Protein backbone atom coordinates (compact mmCIF):
# COMPACT_ATOMS: atom_id res chain seq x y z
CA MET A 1 10.45 28.12 -19.89
CA ASP A 2 7.72 26.93 -22.24
CA GLN A 3 4.30 26.75 -20.66
CA PRO A 4 2.99 23.28 -19.65
CA ILE A 5 0.99 21.51 -22.32
CA GLU A 6 -2.74 22.21 -21.92
CA ASN A 7 -5.71 19.95 -22.56
CA VAL A 8 -7.30 21.44 -25.69
CA ALA A 9 -10.04 18.86 -26.25
CA ALA A 10 -12.85 21.18 -25.13
CA SER A 11 -11.67 24.24 -27.08
CA ALA A 12 -11.37 22.16 -30.22
CA LEU A 13 -15.15 21.79 -30.24
CA VAL A 14 -15.86 25.53 -30.42
CA GLY A 15 -17.75 26.54 -33.56
CA ARG A 16 -18.70 22.98 -34.52
CA PRO A 17 -22.38 21.96 -34.74
CA ALA A 18 -23.57 19.83 -31.87
CA ARG A 19 -24.94 16.35 -32.52
CA ARG A 20 -26.84 14.36 -29.90
CA ILE A 21 -25.28 10.99 -29.11
CA HIS A 22 -26.98 8.34 -27.00
CA ARG A 23 -25.25 8.08 -23.61
CA GLY A 24 -24.59 4.35 -23.92
CA ARG A 25 -23.13 4.75 -27.40
CA LEU A 26 -20.95 7.62 -26.23
CA ALA A 27 -19.56 5.51 -23.37
CA ALA A 28 -18.72 2.71 -25.80
CA ILE A 29 -16.99 5.16 -28.16
CA LEU A 30 -14.90 6.63 -25.35
CA MET A 31 -13.97 3.18 -24.05
CA GLY A 32 -12.89 2.06 -27.50
CA PHE A 33 -10.84 5.21 -28.02
CA ALA A 34 -9.09 4.75 -24.68
CA LEU A 35 -8.15 1.19 -25.56
CA LEU A 36 -7.02 2.26 -29.03
CA ILE A 37 -4.51 4.80 -27.73
CA GLY A 38 -3.30 2.51 -24.94
CA VAL A 39 -4.73 4.40 -21.99
CA ALA A 40 -6.63 2.43 -19.37
CA PRO A 41 -10.04 4.05 -18.75
CA SER A 42 -10.24 5.50 -15.23
CA VAL A 43 -12.88 4.37 -12.78
CA SER A 44 -14.81 7.57 -12.07
CA ALA A 45 -16.69 8.43 -8.91
CA SER A 46 -20.03 8.08 -10.67
CA ASN A 47 -19.77 4.29 -10.92
CA THR A 48 -17.72 3.52 -7.81
CA PRO A 49 -19.75 3.19 -4.58
CA TRP A 50 -18.44 5.30 -1.70
CA SER A 51 -17.05 3.33 1.24
CA GLY A 52 -15.26 6.04 3.21
CA SER A 53 -12.11 5.85 1.11
CA TYR A 54 -11.03 5.90 -2.52
CA ASN A 55 -7.74 4.56 -3.88
CA VAL A 56 -6.48 3.89 -7.41
CA TYR A 57 -3.29 2.15 -6.26
CA ARG A 58 -2.67 -1.28 -7.74
CA SER A 59 0.10 -3.85 -7.53
CA GLY A 60 2.72 -3.31 -10.21
CA MET A 61 2.42 0.47 -10.47
CA PHE A 62 5.41 1.26 -8.24
CA ALA A 63 8.80 2.35 -9.58
CA SER A 64 11.85 3.35 -7.54
CA GLN A 65 13.89 6.34 -8.62
CA VAL A 66 17.25 5.44 -10.11
CA GLN A 67 19.05 8.72 -9.36
CA SER A 68 18.91 10.99 -6.34
CA TYR A 69 17.52 13.83 -8.46
CA ASP A 70 14.83 12.10 -10.55
CA CYS A 71 11.97 11.74 -8.05
CA VAL A 72 9.62 13.66 -10.37
CA ALA A 73 10.45 11.32 -13.26
CA ALA A 74 9.87 8.25 -11.07
CA ALA A 75 6.61 9.68 -9.71
CA SER A 76 5.54 10.37 -13.30
CA GLN A 77 6.36 6.78 -14.21
CA MET A 78 4.11 5.51 -11.39
CA MET A 79 1.27 7.86 -12.28
CA LEU A 80 1.45 6.88 -15.94
CA ASN A 81 1.42 3.21 -14.93
CA ILE A 82 -1.95 3.85 -13.28
CA VAL A 83 -3.24 5.96 -16.17
CA LYS A 84 -2.21 3.42 -18.83
CA GLY A 85 -2.63 0.19 -16.88
CA THR A 86 1.08 -0.63 -17.29
CA SER A 87 3.80 -1.76 -14.86
CA SER A 88 6.92 -0.03 -16.13
CA ALA A 89 9.88 0.24 -13.76
CA SER A 90 12.43 0.72 -16.54
CA SER A 91 15.34 2.97 -15.60
CA SER A 92 15.81 4.01 -19.23
CA GLN A 93 12.16 5.04 -19.48
CA GLN A 94 12.46 6.96 -16.24
CA MET A 95 15.49 8.86 -17.47
CA ALA A 96 13.71 9.58 -20.76
CA TYR A 97 10.95 11.23 -18.72
CA TYR A 98 13.56 13.21 -16.82
CA ASN A 99 15.30 14.41 -19.96
CA TYR A 100 12.02 15.48 -21.51
CA GLY A 101 10.92 17.32 -18.40
CA ALA A 102 14.24 19.14 -17.98
CA GLN A 103 13.50 21.43 -20.91
CA PHE A 104 10.36 22.73 -19.14
CA ARG A 105 11.99 23.80 -15.88
CA TYR A 106 11.09 27.33 -14.86
CA LEU A 107 14.70 28.01 -13.82
CA ALA A 108 16.93 26.48 -16.47
CA ALA A 109 19.97 26.59 -14.18
CA ALA A 110 18.19 24.79 -11.34
CA ALA A 111 19.85 21.44 -11.94
CA PRO A 112 19.62 18.67 -11.03
CA GLY A 113 15.94 17.99 -10.47
CA LEU A 114 12.61 18.98 -11.96
CA ASP A 115 9.87 21.39 -10.92
CA PRO A 116 6.04 21.31 -11.00
CA GLY A 117 5.88 22.67 -14.55
CA ALA A 118 8.24 19.95 -15.77
CA TRP A 119 6.13 17.32 -13.97
CA VAL A 120 2.98 18.47 -15.76
CA ALA A 121 4.79 18.52 -19.10
CA ILE A 122 5.99 14.92 -18.68
CA LEU A 123 2.53 13.62 -17.84
CA ASN A 124 0.68 15.49 -20.57
CA HIS A 125 3.26 14.54 -23.19
CA SER A 126 3.21 10.86 -22.23
CA GLY A 127 -0.46 9.93 -22.30
CA ALA A 128 -2.14 11.72 -19.38
CA THR A 129 -3.48 14.82 -21.08
CA SER A 130 -5.35 16.66 -18.33
CA TYR A 131 -2.80 17.35 -15.58
CA HIS A 132 -2.10 20.80 -14.18
CA VAL A 133 -0.60 22.50 -11.13
CA VAL A 134 -2.72 23.64 -8.20
CA THR A 135 -1.47 25.62 -5.21
CA ALA A 136 -2.82 26.62 -1.82
CA THR A 137 -1.67 28.61 1.18
CA SER A 138 -1.76 25.54 3.42
CA ALA A 139 -0.80 21.90 3.04
CA ALA A 140 -4.20 20.75 4.29
CA ALA A 141 -5.95 22.80 1.62
CA VAL A 142 -3.86 21.49 -1.26
CA LEU A 143 -4.31 17.91 -0.05
CA LYS A 144 -8.07 18.42 -0.10
CA LEU A 145 -7.90 19.85 -3.63
CA ALA A 146 -5.90 16.81 -4.73
CA ALA A 147 -8.32 14.38 -3.08
CA ALA A 148 -11.30 15.96 -4.84
CA ARG A 149 -9.61 15.59 -8.23
CA VAL A 150 -8.56 11.98 -7.58
CA ARG A 151 -12.15 11.12 -6.73
CA ALA A 152 -13.60 13.03 -9.69
CA THR A 153 -11.26 11.53 -12.30
CA GLY A 154 -10.16 8.14 -10.97
CA LEU A 155 -6.55 9.19 -11.57
CA PRO A 156 -3.64 9.77 -9.16
CA ALA A 157 -2.26 13.13 -8.06
CA GLY A 158 1.29 14.25 -7.36
CA LEU A 159 2.48 15.99 -4.19
CA LEU A 160 5.51 18.21 -3.63
CA VAL A 161 6.85 17.25 -0.21
CA GLY A 162 10.03 17.79 1.79
CA LYS A 163 11.14 17.54 5.39
CA THR A 164 14.13 19.89 5.13
CA VAL A 165 13.42 21.91 1.98
CA GLY A 166 9.76 22.39 1.06
CA GLY A 167 8.85 20.85 -2.30
CA SER A 168 12.24 19.19 -2.75
CA HIS A 169 10.77 15.72 -3.25
CA ALA A 170 7.88 14.15 -5.19
CA TRP A 171 5.28 11.66 -4.00
CA VAL A 172 2.32 10.08 -5.73
CA MET A 173 -1.05 10.40 -4.02
CA SER A 174 -3.13 7.43 -5.11
CA GLY A 175 -6.07 7.80 -2.73
CA PHE A 176 -7.57 9.17 0.45
CA LYS A 177 -10.07 8.75 3.27
CA SER A 178 -12.72 11.34 4.12
CA THR A 179 -15.86 11.76 6.19
CA LEU A 180 -18.11 12.07 3.12
CA ASP A 181 -17.83 11.51 -0.62
CA PRO A 182 -16.34 14.60 -2.34
CA ALA A 183 -18.19 13.62 -5.51
CA THR A 184 -21.62 14.07 -3.92
CA HIS A 185 -21.07 16.43 -0.99
CA SER A 186 -19.86 20.03 -0.98
CA THR A 187 -18.76 19.87 2.66
CA TRP A 188 -16.48 17.05 3.79
CA THR A 189 -13.37 16.53 5.89
CA LEU A 190 -10.23 14.86 4.60
CA SER A 191 -8.86 12.32 7.10
CA GLY A 192 -5.69 11.14 5.35
CA VAL A 193 -4.06 10.09 2.10
CA TYR A 194 -2.46 7.04 0.47
CA VAL A 195 1.00 7.83 -0.90
CA GLU A 196 3.88 6.30 -2.84
CA GLY A 197 7.41 7.69 -2.49
CA PRO A 198 9.93 6.74 -5.20
CA TYR A 199 12.88 6.53 -2.78
CA TRP A 200 11.47 3.35 -1.30
CA PRO A 201 13.17 0.99 -0.49
CA ALA A 202 16.51 2.79 -0.56
CA GLN A 203 15.51 5.15 2.28
CA LYS A 204 18.33 7.51 1.47
CA TYR A 205 18.08 10.97 2.98
CA TYR A 206 18.68 13.60 0.34
CA LEU A 207 17.05 17.03 0.67
CA GLY A 208 14.54 15.54 3.07
CA ALA A 209 13.59 12.29 1.33
CA PHE A 210 11.80 9.99 3.79
CA ASP A 211 9.79 7.54 1.78
CA LEU A 212 7.48 4.85 3.14
CA PRO A 213 6.33 1.57 1.55
CA PRO A 214 3.97 1.92 -1.43
CA ASN A 215 0.30 2.48 -0.59
CA SER A 216 1.10 3.83 2.86
CA TYR A 217 -1.72 5.67 4.61
CA GLU A 218 -0.90 8.87 6.50
CA THR A 219 -3.25 11.23 8.29
CA VAL A 220 -3.60 14.87 7.29
CA SER A 221 -2.00 15.80 10.61
CA TRP A 222 1.07 13.68 9.85
CA MET A 223 1.34 15.03 6.31
CA THR A 224 1.13 18.66 7.38
CA THR A 225 3.54 18.38 10.29
CA TYR A 226 6.09 16.05 8.74
CA ALA A 227 5.90 15.62 4.97
CA MET A 228 4.52 19.03 4.00
CA SER A 229 5.42 21.30 6.89
CA LYS A 230 7.12 23.83 4.59
CA PRO A 231 5.89 25.48 1.37
CA TYR A 232 7.62 25.09 -1.98
CA GLN A 233 11.11 26.53 -2.20
CA GLU A 234 13.58 26.60 -5.07
CA PRO A 235 17.10 27.32 -3.78
CA LYS A 236 18.17 28.74 -7.16
CA GLY A 237 15.55 31.52 -7.24
CA ALA A 238 11.90 32.54 -7.21
CA THR A 239 9.25 30.56 -9.11
CA PRO A 240 5.46 30.84 -9.52
CA TRP A 241 5.11 28.20 -6.78
CA THR A 242 7.52 29.66 -4.20
CA GLY A 243 5.89 30.03 -0.79
CA LYS A 244 2.89 27.86 -1.72
CA TYR A 245 1.89 24.25 -1.21
CA VAL A 246 1.77 22.41 -4.52
CA ALA A 247 0.00 19.43 -6.06
CA ILE A 248 -0.18 18.04 -9.59
CA VAL A 249 -3.78 17.06 -10.35
CA PRO A 250 -5.80 15.63 -13.25
């Protein structure tokens, strides 16, 4: 499988002479560029006061999956709605995401469905250019990694969940609650997360799908004992994520 698309913005600057730009002017340039390419600028931690929680969910971002196997495509659609400031719930757009992602699956024969590498490829191809896969040996640890990145970037994360088969379903993580602000403290405790599951409102049970209403809050204890009690597993064979807990983060 082709490797996920990487963010090359930083490497592109190597070897070029540096030029000092006033901070205010730089912010205006970046804002204008974001609007030009159709991406809504994220609200970063630096200019958002900490109140014990942080959440980038907004009305209109939700999209239900149209097929039993396209949860990753639907989750991508929701994440891109937040990134771009759009409200797309188009089934044709969702299937276009699925078809694009299918060519990046680690196991080509593992159909139907998409894997973490395909999820990253969809996002980075479609306007969210900084996403990558992170893994941990526990669900609590990967949730904390995801929360830190949501706070740092103002963008949503993706979670691989599954009640019956670990990693068989995709949720969006739009926010979280914690004891202290991850942006300003090195030590903090994650209390819970805000999630969106694309099977809502169908509530069909397929490979452990068990989705709640959009913007539902669940504690870390609930997530680790119910939604993410098992590490990632691909029934068709071994992958780089097998046996680990997985998140897609900006």
